[in-house]
Amino acid sequence: MTDAPAGGPDQPRRPKEPGRGAPAQGHGGQGRGWQGTEGWVHQAMLSGRRTAIVTTGRRAIRVEPARDARIVAEIEERVVGRLLACRPLWCRIEIAGLRGWIRRAVIWGVRDGETFD
């Protein structure tokens, strides 16, 4: 169910781990992982899919973007999910076929102020 990220800066990124990077040149480009490590990323590790990782503790995925909405699932730290949409405070995410909303503050993979549908 999870693709836990590599354990440290000397270990490679795994294919579904979220990262940010500069435009690819040749066979790859510069990238930054969720723990702040930077380095060159081969194009085979890049994808057009938006993903995010839960950065702290066990977090609720909710049916609506509200703190009092029904909980769909609880997700552990380091679980990676596919981003479907982001609003200023919440992001819609899919993890193992489950879809719901998670607070933006507890995930990594979305830039400050970024929103999309």
PDB file of N, CA and C in Angstrom:
ATOM      1  N   MET A   1       0.811  -1.196   0.000  1.00  0.00           N
ATOM      2  CA  MET A   1       0.000   0.000   0.000  1.00  0.00           C
ATOM      3  C   MET A   1       0.854   1.259   0.000  1.00  0.00           C
ATOM      4  N   THR A   2       2.064   1.206   0.518  1.00  0.00           N
ATOM      5  CA  THR A   2       2.872   2.418   0.548  1.00  0.00           C
ATOM      6  C   THR A   2       4.153   2.230  -0.232  1.00  0.00           C
ATOM      7  N   ASP A   3       4.684   3.306  -0.692  1.00  0.00           N
ATOM      8  CA  ASP A   3       6.014   3.362  -1.266  1.00  0.00           C
ATOM      9  C   ASP A   3       6.800   4.298  -0.380  1.00  0.00           C
ATOM     10  N   ALA A   4       7.294   3.802   0.738  1.00  0.00           N
ATOM     11  CA  ALA A   4       8.027   4.641   1.677  1.00  0.00           C
ATOM     12  C   ALA A   4       9.258   5.200   1.000  1.00  0.00           C
ATOM     13  N   PRO A   5       9.593   6.452   1.279  1.00  0.00           N
ATOM     14  CA  PRO A   5      10.752   7.056   0.661  1.00  0.00           C
ATOM     15  C   PRO A   5      12.043   6.466   1.184  1.00  0.00           C
ATOM     16  N   ALA A   6      13.090   6.715   0.450  1.00  0.00           N
ATOM     17  CA  ALA A   6      14.413   6.260   0.858  1.00  0.00           C
ATOM     18  C   ALA A   6      14.768   6.829   2.227  1.00  0.00           C
ATOM     19  N   GLY A   7      15.633   6.137   2.946  1.00  0.00           N
ATOM     20  CA  GLY A   7      15.940   6.490   4.316  1.00  0.00           C
ATOM     21  C   GLY A   7      16.854   7.674   4.519  1.00  0.00           C
ATOM     22  N   GLY A   8      17.555   8.139   3.533  1.00  0.00           N
ATOM     23  CA  GLY A   8      18.452   9.259   3.755  1.00  0.00           C
ATOM     24  C   GLY A   8      19.008   9.809   2.464  1.00  0.00           C
ATOM     25  N   PRO A   9      19.879  10.815   2.582  1.00  0.00           N
ATOM     26  CA  PRO A   9      20.377  11.499   1.400  1.00  0.00           C
ATOM     27  C   PRO A   9      21.238  10.631   0.502  1.00  0.00           C
ATOM     28  N   ASP A  10      21.827   9.542   1.019  1.00  0.00           N
ATOM     29  CA  ASP A  10      22.686   8.691   0.201  1.00  0.00           C
ATOM     30  C   ASP A  10      21.919   7.572  -0.489  1.00  0.00           C
ATOM     31  N   GLN A  11      20.620   7.477  -0.227  1.00  0.00           N
ATOM     32  CA  GLN A  11      19.816   6.441  -0.850  1.00  0.00           C
ATOM     33  C   GLN A  11      19.002   7.039  -1.983  1.00  0.00           C
ATOM     34  N   PRO A  12      18.786   6.281  -3.051  1.00  0.00           N
ATOM     35  CA  PRO A  12      18.059   6.827  -4.201  1.00  0.00           C
ATOM     36  C   PRO A  12      16.583   7.033  -3.933  1.00  0.00           C
ATOM     37  N   ARG A  13      15.992   7.961  -4.692  1.00  0.00           N
ATOM     38  CA  ARG A  13      14.543   8.132  -4.638  1.00  0.00           C
ATOM     39  C   ARG A  13      13.897   6.912  -5.250  1.00  0.00           C
ATOM     40  N   ARG A  14      12.731   6.568  -4.761  1.00  0.00           N
ATOM     41  CA  ARG A  14      11.955   5.482  -5.349  1.00  0.00           C
ATOM     42  C   ARG A  14      11.018   6.070  -6.385  1.00  0.00           C
ATOM     43  N   PRO A  15      10.574   5.273  -7.358  1.00  0.00           N
ATOM     44  CA  PRO A  15       9.811   5.817  -8.471  1.00  0.00           C
ATOM     45  C   PRO A  15       8.570   6.635  -8.114  1.00  0.00           C
ATOM     46  N   LYS A  16       7.834   6.326  -7.066  1.00  0.00           N
ATOM     47  CA  LYS A  16       6.605   7.054  -6.774  1.00  0.00           C
ATOM     48  C   LYS A  16       6.788   8.132  -5.713  1.00  0.00           C
ATOM     49  N   GLU A  17       8.001   8.342  -5.251  1.00  0.00           N
ATOM     50  CA  GLU A  17       8.249   9.338  -4.210  1.00  0.00           C
ATOM     51  C   GLU A  17       8.141  10.739  -4.780  1.00  0.00           C
ATOM     52  N   PRO A  18       7.429  11.646  -4.094  1.00  0.00           N
ATOM     53  CA  PRO A  18       7.297  12.997  -4.615  1.00  0.00           C
ATOM     54  C   PRO A  18       8.616  13.753  -4.593  1.00  0.00           C
ATOM     55  N   GLY A  19       8.757  14.650  -5.524  1.00  0.00           N
ATOM     56  CA  GLY A  19       9.938  15.494  -5.575  1.00  0.00           C
ATOM     57  C   GLY A  19       9.646  16.712  -6.424  1.00  0.00           C
ATOM     58  N   ARG A  20      10.497  17.698  -6.307  1.00  0.00           N
ATOM     59  CA  ARG A  20      10.380  18.917  -7.112  1.00  0.00           C
ATOM     60  C   ARG A  20      11.656  19.056  -7.900  1.00  0.00           C
ATOM     61  N   GLY A  21      11.539  19.595  -9.105  1.00  0.00           N
ATOM     62  CA  GLY A  21      12.760  19.727  -9.871  1.00  0.00           C
ATOM     63  C   GLY A  21      12.707  20.787 -10.934  1.00  0.00           C
ATOM     64  N   ALA A  22      13.892  21.041 -11.459  1.00  0.00           N
ATOM     65  CA  ALA A  22      14.040  21.945 -12.587  1.00  0.00           C
ATOM     66  C   ALA A  22      13.697  21.165 -13.851  1.00  0.00           C
ATOM     67  N   PRO A  23      13.417  21.859 -14.944  1.00  0.00           N
ATOM     68  CA  PRO A  23      13.120  21.159 -16.190  1.00  0.00           C
ATOM     69  C   PRO A  23      14.233  20.190 -16.568  1.00  0.00           C
ATOM     70  N   ALA A  24      13.839  19.031 -17.045  1.00  0.00           N
ATOM     71  CA  ALA A  24      14.815  18.002 -17.406  1.00  0.00           C
ATOM     72  C   ALA A  24      15.641  18.435 -18.607  1.00  0.00           C
ATOM     73  N   GLN A  25      16.905  18.064 -18.572  1.00  0.00           N
ATOM     74  CA  GLN A  25      17.813  18.333 -19.682  1.00  0.00           C
ATOM     75  C   GLN A  25      18.502  17.018 -20.006  1.00  0.00           C
ATOM     76  N   GLY A  26      18.421  16.591 -21.256  1.00  0.00           N
ATOM     77  CA  GLY A  26      19.059  15.330 -21.621  1.00  0.00           C
ATOM     78  C   GLY A  26      18.363  14.165 -20.955  1.00  0.00           C
ATOM     79  N   HIS A  27      19.040  13.526 -20.022  1.00  0.00           N
ATOM     80  CA  HIS A  27      18.506  12.337 -19.360  1.00  0.00           C
ATOM     81  C   HIS A  27      17.989  12.598 -17.955  1.00  0.00           C
ATOM     82  N   GLY A  28      17.872  13.855 -17.558  1.00  0.00           N
ATOM     83  CA  GLY A  28      17.376  14.155 -16.216  1.00  0.00           C
ATOM     84  C   GLY A  28      17.536  15.612 -15.877  1.00  0.00           C
ATOM     85  N   GLY A  29      17.486  15.910 -14.572  1.00  0.00           N
ATOM     86  CA  GLY A  29      17.613  17.283 -14.128  1.00  0.00           C
ATOM     87  C   GLY A  29      17.772  17.350 -12.621  1.00  0.00           C
ATOM     88  N   GLN A  30      17.961  18.556 -12.101  1.00  0.00           N
ATOM     89  CA  GLN A  30      18.096  18.762 -10.666  1.00  0.00           C
ATOM     90  C   GLN A  30      16.753  18.527  -9.982  1.00  0.00           C
ATOM     91  N   GLY A  31      16.792  17.951  -8.795  1.00  0.00           N
ATOM     92  CA  GLY A  31      15.561  17.718  -8.058  1.00  0.00           C
ATOM     93  C   GLY A  31      15.767  17.865  -6.571  1.00  0.00           C
ATOM     94  N   ARG A  32      14.660  17.991  -5.838  1.00  0.00           N
ATOM     95  CA  ARG A  32      14.701  18.080  -4.383  1.00  0.00           C
ATOM     96  C   ARG A  32      13.657  17.129  -3.822  1.00  0.00           C
ATOM     97  N   GLY A  33      14.070  16.310  -2.870  1.00  0.00           N
ATOM     98  CA  GLY A  33      13.165  15.374  -2.215  1.00  0.00           C
ATOM     99  C   GLY A  33      12.449  16.016  -1.039  1.00  0.00           C
ATOM    100  N   TRP A  34      11.488  15.311  -0.495  1.00  0.00           N
ATOM    101  CA  TRP A  34      10.653  15.851   0.582  1.00  0.00           C
ATOM    102  C   TRP A  34      11.432  16.123   1.863  1.00  0.00           C
ATOM    103  N   GLN A  35      12.594  15.492   2.047  1.00  0.00           N
ATOM    104  CA  GLN A  35      13.397  15.734   3.244  1.00  0.00           C
ATOM    105  C   GLN A  35      14.431  16.833   3.027  1.00  0.00           C
ATOM    106  N   GLY A  36      14.371  17.494   1.863  1.00  0.00           N
ATOM    107  CA  GLY A  36      15.261  18.616   1.594  1.00  0.00           C
ATOM    108  C   GLY A  36      16.532  18.256   0.849  1.00  0.00           C
ATOM    109  N   THR A  37      16.760  16.976   0.579  1.00  0.00           N
ATOM    110  CA  THR A  37      17.962  16.587  -0.143  1.00  0.00           C
ATOM    111  C   THR A  37      17.833  16.988  -1.607  1.00  0.00           C
ATOM    112  N   GLU A  38      18.964  17.397  -2.187  1.00  0.00           N
ATOM    113  CA  GLU A  38      18.977  17.807  -3.584  1.00  0.00           C
ATOM    114  C   GLU A  38      19.955  16.955  -4.355  1.00  0.00           C
ATOM    115  N   GLY A  39      19.695  16.809  -5.648  1.00  0.00           N
ATOM    116  CA  GLY A  39      20.593  16.045  -6.495  1.00  0.00           C
ATOM    117  C   GLY A  39      20.032  15.895  -7.887  1.00  0.00           C
ATOM    118  N   TRP A  40      20.760  15.157  -8.705  1.00  0.00           N
ATOM    119  CA  TRP A  40      20.373  14.918 -10.074  1.00  0.00           C
ATOM    120  C   TRP A  40      19.410  13.744 -10.109  1.00  0.00           C
ATOM    121  N   VAL A  41      18.348  13.859 -10.900  1.00  0.00           N
ATOM    122  CA  VAL A  41      17.333  12.810 -11.007  1.00  0.00           C
ATOM    123  C   VAL A  41      17.258  12.362 -12.459  1.00  0.00           C
ATOM    124  N   HIS A  42      17.397  11.051 -12.679  1.00  0.00           N
ATOM    125  CA  HIS A  42      17.300  10.497 -14.030  1.00  0.00           C
ATOM    126  C   HIS A  42      15.861  10.584 -14.521  1.00  0.00           C
ATOM    127  N   GLN A  43      15.680  10.802 -15.823  1.00  0.00           N
ATOM    128  CA  GLN A  43      14.342  10.960 -16.395  1.00  0.00           C
ATOM    129  C   GLN A  43      13.445   9.757 -16.160  1.00  0.00           C
ATOM    130  N   ALA A  44      14.003   8.575 -15.999  1.00  0.00           N
ATOM    131  CA  ALA A  44      13.194   7.377 -15.736  1.00  0.00           C
ATOM    132  C   ALA A  44      12.476   7.474 -14.391  1.00  0.00           C
ATOM    133  N   MET A  45      12.979   8.324 -13.495  1.00  0.00           N
ATOM    134  CA  MET A  45      12.376   8.483 -12.174  1.00  0.00           C
ATOM    135  C   MET A  45      11.305   9.575 -12.166  1.00  0.00           C
ATOM    136  N   LEU A  46      11.156  10.290 -13.277  1.00  0.00           N
ATOM    137  CA  LEU A  46      10.209  11.397 -13.359  1.00  0.00           C
ATOM    138  C   LEU A  46       8.883  10.939 -13.955  1.00  0.00           C
ATOM    139  N   SER A  47       7.826  11.608 -13.554  1.00  0.00           N
ATOM    140  CA  SER A  47       6.499  11.279 -14.046  1.00  0.00           C
ATOM    141  C   SER A  47       5.669  12.551 -14.081  1.00  0.00           C
ATOM    142  N   GLY A  48       4.643  12.580 -14.907  1.00  0.00           N
ATOM    143  CA  GLY A  48       3.760  13.728 -14.963  1.00  0.00           C
ATOM    144  C   GLY A  48       2.705  13.700 -13.873  1.00  0.00           C
ATOM    145  N   ARG A  49       2.645  12.632 -13.103  1.00  0.00           N
ATOM    146  CA  ARG A  49       1.656  12.507 -12.026  1.00  0.00           C
ATOM    147  C   ARG A  49       2.066  13.335 -10.826  1.00  0.00           C
ATOM    148  N   ARG A  50       1.112  14.037 -10.256  1.00  0.00           N
ATOM    149  CA  ARG A  50       1.364  14.818  -9.043  1.00  0.00           C
ATOM    150  C   ARG A  50       1.171  13.916  -7.848  1.00  0.00           C
ATOM    151  N   THR A  51       2.156  13.862  -6.984  1.00  0.00           N
ATOM    152  CA  THR A  51       2.071  13.075  -5.766  1.00  0.00           C
ATOM    153  C   THR A  51       2.445  13.926  -4.573  1.00  0.00           C
ATOM    154  N   ALA A  52       2.062  13.454  -3.404  1.00  0.00           N
ATOM    155  CA  ALA A  52       2.410  14.113  -2.144  1.00  0.00           C
ATOM    156  C   ALA A  52       2.680  13.040  -1.116  1.00  0.00           C
ATOM    157  N   ILE A  53       3.401  13.396  -0.079  1.00  0.00           N
ATOM    158  CA  ILE A  53       3.726  12.466   0.995  1.00  0.00           C
ATOM    159  C   ILE A  53       3.251  13.060   2.322  1.00  0.00           C
ATOM    160  N   VAL A  54       2.689  12.213   3.168  1.00  0.00           N
ATOM    161  CA  VAL A  54       2.267  12.638   4.502  1.00  0.00           C
ATOM    162  C   VAL A  54       3.535  12.796   5.335  1.00  0.00           C
ATOM    163  N   THR A  55       3.739  13.989   5.895  1.00  0.00           N
ATOM    164  CA  THR A  55       5.007  14.286   6.562  1.00  0.00           C
ATOM    165  C   THR A  55       5.002  14.103   8.071  1.00  0.00           C
ATOM    166  N   THR A  56       3.850  14.078   8.692  1.00  0.00           N
ATOM    167  CA  THR A  56       3.830  13.979  10.152  1.00  0.00           C
ATOM    168  C   THR A  56       2.712  13.076  10.648  1.00  0.00           C
ATOM    169  N   GLY A  57       3.064  12.098  11.441  1.00  0.00           N
ATOM    170  CA  GLY A  57       2.086  11.273  12.155  1.00  0.00           C
ATOM    171  C   GLY A  57       0.980  10.651  11.337  1.00  0.00           C
ATOM    172  N   ARG A  58      -0.035  10.207  12.018  1.00  0.00           N
ATOM    173  CA  ARG A  58      -1.223   9.589  11.419  1.00  0.00           C
ATOM    174  C   ARG A  58      -2.227  10.696  11.113  1.00  0.00           C
ATOM    175  N   ARG A  59      -2.715  10.758   9.870  1.00  0.00           N
ATOM    176  CA  ARG A  59      -3.583  11.850   9.438  1.00  0.00           C
ATOM    177  C   ARG A  59      -4.863  11.336   8.809  1.00  0.00           C
ATOM    178  N   ALA A  60      -5.928  12.104   8.965  1.00  0.00           N
ATOM    179  CA  ALA A  60      -7.247  11.734   8.450  1.00  0.00           C
ATOM    180  C   ALA A  60      -7.421  12.179   7.002  1.00  0.00           C
ATOM    181  N   ILE A  61      -8.021  11.286   6.212  1.00  0.00           N
ATOM    182  CA  ILE A  61      -8.509  11.615   4.878  1.00  0.00           C
ATOM    183  C   ILE A  61     -10.015  11.753   5.044  1.00  0.00           C
ATOM    184  N   ARG A  62     -10.567  12.885   4.621  1.00  0.00           N
ATOM    185  CA  ARG A  62     -11.982  13.177   4.868  1.00  0.00           C
ATOM    186  C   ARG A  62     -12.781  13.240   3.575  1.00  0.00           C
ATOM    187  N   VAL A  63     -14.073  13.016   3.704  1.00  0.00           N
ATOM    188  CA  VAL A  63     -14.968  12.998   2.549  1.00  0.00           C
ATOM    189  C   VAL A  63     -15.150  14.391   1.942  1.00  0.00           C
ATOM    190  N   GLU A  64     -15.021  15.432   2.730  1.00  0.00           N
ATOM    191  CA  GLU A  64     -15.129  16.830   2.289  1.00  0.00           C
ATOM    192  C   GLU A  64     -13.968  17.618   2.899  1.00  0.00           C
ATOM    193  N   PRO A  65     -13.614  18.766   2.322  1.00  0.00           N
ATOM    194  CA  PRO A  65     -12.518  19.569   2.864  1.00  0.00           C
ATOM    195  C   PRO A  65     -12.941  20.393   4.086  1.00  0.00           C
ATOM    196  N   ALA A  66     -13.201  19.699   5.190  1.00  0.00           N
ATOM    197  CA  ALA A  66     -13.605  20.357   6.440  1.00  0.00           C
ATOM    198  C   ALA A  66     -13.189  19.479   7.616  1.00  0.00           C
ATOM    199  N   ARG A  67     -12.743  20.110   8.707  1.00  0.00           N
ATOM    200  CA  ARG A  67     -12.284  19.360   9.890  1.00  0.00           C
ATOM    201  C   ARG A  67     -13.360  18.478  10.508  1.00  0.00           C
ATOM    202  N   ASP A  68     -14.632  18.843  10.329  1.00  0.00           N
ATOM    203  CA  ASP A  68     -15.703  18.055  10.932  1.00  0.00           C
ATOM    204  C   ASP A  68     -16.331  17.049   9.951  1.00  0.00           C
ATOM    205  N   ALA A  69     -15.770  16.927   8.747  1.00  0.00           N
ATOM    206  CA  ALA A  69     -16.294  15.977   7.756  1.00  0.00           C
ATOM    207  C   ALA A  69     -15.941  14.545   8.164  1.00  0.00           C
ATOM    208  N   ARG A  70     -16.751  13.614   7.686  1.00  0.00           N
ATOM    209  CA  ARG A  70     -16.550  12.193   7.992  1.00  0.00           C
ATOM    210  C   ARG A  70     -15.174  11.720   7.502  1.00  0.00           C
ATOM    211  N   ILE A  71     -14.515  10.897   8.308  1.00  0.00           N
ATOM    212  CA  ILE A  71     -13.197  10.363   7.970  1.00  0.00           C
ATOM    213  C   ILE A  71     -13.361   9.138   7.071  1.00  0.00           C
ATOM    214  N   VAL A  72     -12.669   9.144   5.938  1.00  0.00           N
ATOM    215  CA  VAL A  72     -12.670   8.028   4.994  1.00  0.00           C
ATOM    216  C   VAL A  72     -11.609   7.011   5.393  1.00  0.00           C
ATOM    217  N   ALA A  73     -10.439   7.508   5.818  1.00  0.00           N
ATOM    218  CA  ALA A  73      -9.318   6.639   6.195  1.00  0.00           C
ATOM    219  C   ALA A  73      -8.343   7.438   7.045  1.00  0.00           C
ATOM    220  N   GLU A  74      -7.495   6.722   7.767  1.00  0.00           N
ATOM    221  CA  GLU A  74      -6.387   7.354   8.483  1.00  0.00           C
ATOM    222  C   GLU A  74      -5.101   6.854   7.851  1.00  0.00           C
ATOM    223  N   ILE A  75      -4.220   7.771   7.548  1.00  0.00           N
ATOM    224  CA  ILE A  75      -3.011   7.486   6.794  1.00  0.00           C
ATOM    225  C   ILE A  75      -1.785   7.752   7.662  1.00  0.00           C
ATOM    226  N   GLU A  76      -0.836   6.830   7.605  1.00  0.00           N
ATOM    227  CA  GLU A  76       0.402   6.948   8.380  1.00  0.00           C
ATOM    228  C   GLU A  76       1.394   7.908   7.715  1.00  0.00           C
ATOM    229  N   GLU A  77       2.308   8.396   8.509  1.00  0.00           N
ATOM    230  CA  GLU A  77       3.411   9.213   8.014  1.00  0.00           C
ATOM    231  C   GLU A  77       4.172   8.448   6.940  1.00  0.00           C
ATOM    232  N   ARG A  78       4.649   9.160   5.918  1.00  0.00           N
ATOM    233  CA  ARG A  78       5.439   8.646   4.801  1.00  0.00           C
ATOM    234  C   ARG A  78       4.636   7.899   3.736  1.00  0.00           C
ATOM    235  N   VAL A  79       3.316   7.895   3.852  1.00  0.00           N
ATOM    236  CA  VAL A  79       2.495   7.305   2.804  1.00  0.00           C
ATOM    237  C   VAL A  79       2.420   8.296   1.639  1.00  0.00           C
ATOM    238  N   VAL A  80       2.555   7.785   0.432  1.00  0.00           N
ATOM    239  CA  VAL A  80       2.521   8.599  -0.777  1.00  0.00           C
ATOM    240  C   VAL A  80       1.174   8.428  -1.463  1.00  0.00           C
ATOM    241  N   GLY A  81       0.593   9.540  -1.900  1.00  0.00           N
ATOM    242  CA  GLY A  81      -0.675   9.499  -2.614  1.00  0.00           C
ATOM    243  C   GLY A  81      -0.646  10.384  -3.844  1.00  0.00           C
ATOM    244  N   ARG A  82      -1.587  10.171  -4.725  1.00  0.00           N
ATOM    245  CA  ARG A  82      -1.716  10.958  -5.949  1.00  0.00           C
ATOM    246  C   ARG A  82      -2.570  12.193  -5.676  1.00  0.00           C
ATOM    247  N   LEU A  83      -2.053  13.367  -5.991  1.00  0.00           N
ATOM    248  CA  LEU A  83      -2.799  14.613  -5.817  1.00  0.00           C
ATOM    249  C   LEU A  83      -3.788  14.786  -6.956  1.00  0.00           C
ATOM    250  N   LEU A  84      -5.025  15.075  -6.608  1.00  0.00           N
ATOM    251  CA  LEU A  84      -6.069  15.279  -7.609  1.00  0.00           C
ATOM    252  C   LEU A  84      -6.451  16.753  -7.741  1.00  0.00           C
ATOM    253  N   ALA A  85      -6.382  17.488  -6.642  1.00  0.00           N
ATOM    254  CA  ALA A  85      -6.719  18.915  -6.628  1.00  0.00           C
ATOM    255  C   ALA A  85      -6.184  19.518  -5.341  1.00  0.00           C
ATOM    256  N   CYS A  86      -5.919  20.813  -5.363  1.00  0.00           N
ATOM    257  CA  CYS A  86      -5.506  21.504  -4.144  1.00  0.00           C
ATOM    258  C   CYS A  86      -6.176  22.860  -4.060  1.00  0.00           C
ATOM    259  N   ARG A  87      -6.640  23.162  -2.859  1.00  0.00           N
ATOM    260  CA  ARG A  87      -7.212  24.463  -2.517  1.00  0.00           C
ATOM    261  C   ARG A  87      -6.257  25.092  -1.503  1.00  0.00           C
ATOM    262  N   PRO A  88      -6.528  26.314  -1.050  1.00  0.00           N
ATOM    263  CA  PRO A  88      -5.598  26.946  -0.119  1.00  0.00           C
ATOM    264  C   PRO A  88      -5.314  26.148   1.159  1.00  0.00           C
ATOM    265  N   LEU A  89      -6.301  25.445   1.716  1.00  0.00           N
ATOM    266  CA  LEU A  89      -6.081  24.730   2.979  1.00  0.00           C
ATOM    267  C   LEU A  89      -6.160  23.208   2.870  1.00  0.00           C
ATOM    268  N   TRP A  90      -6.715  22.694   1.789  1.00  0.00           N
ATOM    269  CA  TRP A  90      -6.947  21.251   1.643  1.00  0.00           C
ATOM    270  C   TRP A  90      -6.519  20.770   0.261  1.00  0.00           C
ATOM    271  N   CYS A  91      -6.130  19.488   0.186  1.00  0.00           N
ATOM    272  CA  CYS A  91      -5.849  18.861  -1.102  1.00  0.00           C
ATOM    273  C   CYS A  91      -6.653  17.571  -1.211  1.00  0.00           C
ATOM    274  N   ARG A  92      -7.168  17.306  -2.406  1.00  0.00           N
ATOM    275  CA  ARG A  92      -7.855  16.038  -2.683  1.00  0.00           C
ATOM    276  C   ARG A  92      -6.785  15.051  -3.119  1.00  0.00           C
ATOM    277  N   ILE A  93      -6.807  13.862  -2.519  1.00  0.00           N
ATOM    278  CA  ILE A  93      -5.746  12.890  -2.712  1.00  0.00           C
ATOM    279  C   ILE A  93      -6.349  11.508  -2.922  1.00  0.00           C
ATOM    280  N   GLU A  94      -5.636  10.669  -3.647  1.00  0.00           N
ATOM    281  CA  GLU A  94      -6.029   9.277  -3.831  1.00  0.00           C
ATOM    282  C   GLU A  94      -4.902   8.389  -3.329  1.00  0.00           C
ATOM    283  N   ILE A  95      -5.245   7.476  -2.431  1.00  0.00           N
ATOM    284  CA  ILE A  95      -4.273   6.537  -1.875  1.00  0.00           C
ATOM    285  C   ILE A  95      -4.907   5.152  -1.901  1.00  0.00           C
ATOM    286  N   ALA A  96      -4.273   4.241  -2.607  1.00  0.00           N
ATOM    287  CA  ALA A  96      -4.742   2.852  -2.692  1.00  0.00           C
ATOM    288  C   ALA A  96      -6.220   2.773  -3.091  1.00  0.00           C
ATOM    289  N   GLY A  97      -6.632   3.613  -4.036  1.00  0.00           N
ATOM    290  CA  GLY A  97      -8.003   3.595  -4.520  1.00  0.00           C
ATOM    291  C   GLY A  97      -8.995   4.393  -3.690  1.00  0.00           C
ATOM    292  N   LEU A  98      -8.582   4.882  -2.530  1.00  0.00           N
ATOM    293  CA  LEU A  98      -9.445   5.715  -1.685  1.00  0.00           C
ATOM    294  C   LEU A  98      -9.208   7.180  -2.024  1.00  0.00           C
ATOM    295  N   ARG A  99     -10.295   7.929  -2.168  1.00  0.00           N
ATOM    296  CA  ARG A  99     -10.178   9.361  -2.461  1.00  0.00           C
ATOM    297  C   ARG A  99     -10.793  10.169  -1.345  1.00  0.00           C
ATOM    298  N   GLY A 100     -10.165  11.283  -1.039  1.00  0.00           N
ATOM    299  CA  GLY A 100     -10.683  12.174  -0.019  1.00  0.00           C
ATOM    300  C   GLY A 100      -9.806  13.399   0.102  1.00  0.00           C
ATOM    301  N   TRP A 101     -10.075  14.183   1.132  1.00  0.00           N
ATOM    302  CA  TRP A 101      -9.380  15.448   1.363  1.00  0.00           C
ATOM    303  C   TRP A 101      -8.474  15.350   2.583  1.00  0.00           C
ATOM    304  N   ILE A 102      -7.287  15.940   2.469  1.00  0.00           N
ATOM    305  CA  ILE A 102      -6.322  15.974   3.564  1.00  0.00           C
ATOM    306  C   ILE A 102      -5.868  17.424   3.731  1.00  0.00           C
ATOM    307  N   ARG A 103      -5.579  17.785   4.978  1.00  0.00           N
ATOM    308  CA  ARG A 103      -5.106  19.150   5.217  1.00  0.00           C
ATOM    309  C   ARG A 103      -3.760  19.357   4.527  1.00  0.00           C
ATOM    310  N   ARG A 104      -3.659  20.419   3.828  1.00  0.00           N
ATOM    311  CA  ARG A 104      -2.459  20.733   3.060  1.00  0.00           C
ATOM    312  C   ARG A 104      -1.207  20.841   3.940  1.00  0.00           C
ATOM    313  N   ALA A 105      -1.382  21.299   5.171  1.00  0.00           N
ATOM    314  CA  ALA A 105      -0.260  21.515   6.084  1.00  0.00           C
ATOM    315  C   ALA A 105       0.450  20.209   6.488  1.00  0.00           C
ATOM    316  N   VAL A 106      -0.163  19.052   6.271  1.00  0.00           N
ATOM    317  CA  VAL A 106       0.437  17.788   6.721  1.00  0.00           C
ATOM    318  C   VAL A 106       1.005  16.959   5.572  1.00  0.00           C
ATOM    319  N   ILE A 107       1.080  17.570   4.370  1.00  0.00           N
ATOM    320  CA  ILE A 107       1.669  16.868   3.226  1.00  0.00           C
ATOM    321  C   ILE A 107       2.776  17.710   2.616  1.00  0.00           C
ATOM    322  N   TRP A 108       3.642  17.060   1.857  1.00  0.00           N
ATOM    323  CA  TRP A 108       4.686  17.727   1.086  1.00  0.00           C
ATOM    324  C   TRP A 108       4.485  17.339  -0.366  1.00  0.00           C
ATOM    325  N   GLY A 109       4.599  18.324  -1.262  1.00  0.00           N
ATOM    326  CA  GLY A 109       4.467  18.052  -2.684  1.00  0.00           C
ATOM    327  C   GLY A 109       3.689  19.135  -3.403  1.00  0.00           C
ATOM    328  N   VAL A 110       3.265  20.159  -2.666  1.00  0.00           N
ATOM    329  CA  VAL A 110       2.538  21.283  -3.243  1.00  0.00           C
ATOM    330  C   VAL A 110       3.285  22.568  -2.847  1.00  0.00           C
ATOM    331  N   ARG A 111       3.511  23.420  -3.796  1.00  0.00           N
ATOM    332  CA  ARG A 111       4.187  24.680  -3.491  1.00  0.00           C
ATOM    333  C   ARG A 111       3.273  25.630  -2.730  1.00  0.00           C
ATOM    334  N   ASP A 112       3.863  26.498  -1.922  1.00  0.00           N
ATOM    335  CA  ASP A 112       3.104  27.498  -1.178  1.00  0.00           C
ATOM    336  C   ASP A 112       2.233  28.323  -2.142  1.00  0.00           C
ATOM    337  N   GLY A 113       0.968  28.442  -1.807  1.00  0.00           N
ATOM    338  CA  GLY A 113       0.063  29.241  -2.610  1.00  0.00           C
ATOM    339  C   GLY A 113      -0.452  28.575  -3.874  1.00  0.00           C
ATOM    340  N   GLU A 114       0.038  27.392  -4.196  1.00  0.00           N
ATOM    341  CA  GLU A 114      -0.382  26.703  -5.414  1.00  0.00           C
ATOM    342  C   GLU A 114      -1.768  26.084  -5.254  1.00  0.00           C
ATOM    343  N   THR A 115      -2.614  26.289  -6.239  1.00  0.00           N
ATOM    344  CA  THR A 115      -3.933  25.645  -6.276  1.00  0.00           C
ATOM    345  C   THR A 115      -4.150  25.067  -7.675  1.00  0.00           C
ATOM    346  N   PHE A 116      -4.897  23.991  -7.758  1.00  0.00           N
ATOM    347  CA  PHE A 116      -5.220  23.397  -9.057  1.00  0.00           C
ATOM    348  C   PHE A 116      -6.390  22.442  -8.901  1.00  0.00           C
ATOM    349  N   ASP A 117      -7.067  22.160 -10.023  1.00  0.00           N
ATOM    350  CA  ASP A 117      -8.185  21.210 -10.073  1.00  0.00           C
ATOM    351  C   ASP A 117      -7.898  20.139 -11.094  1.00  0.00           C
TER     352      ASP A 117
END
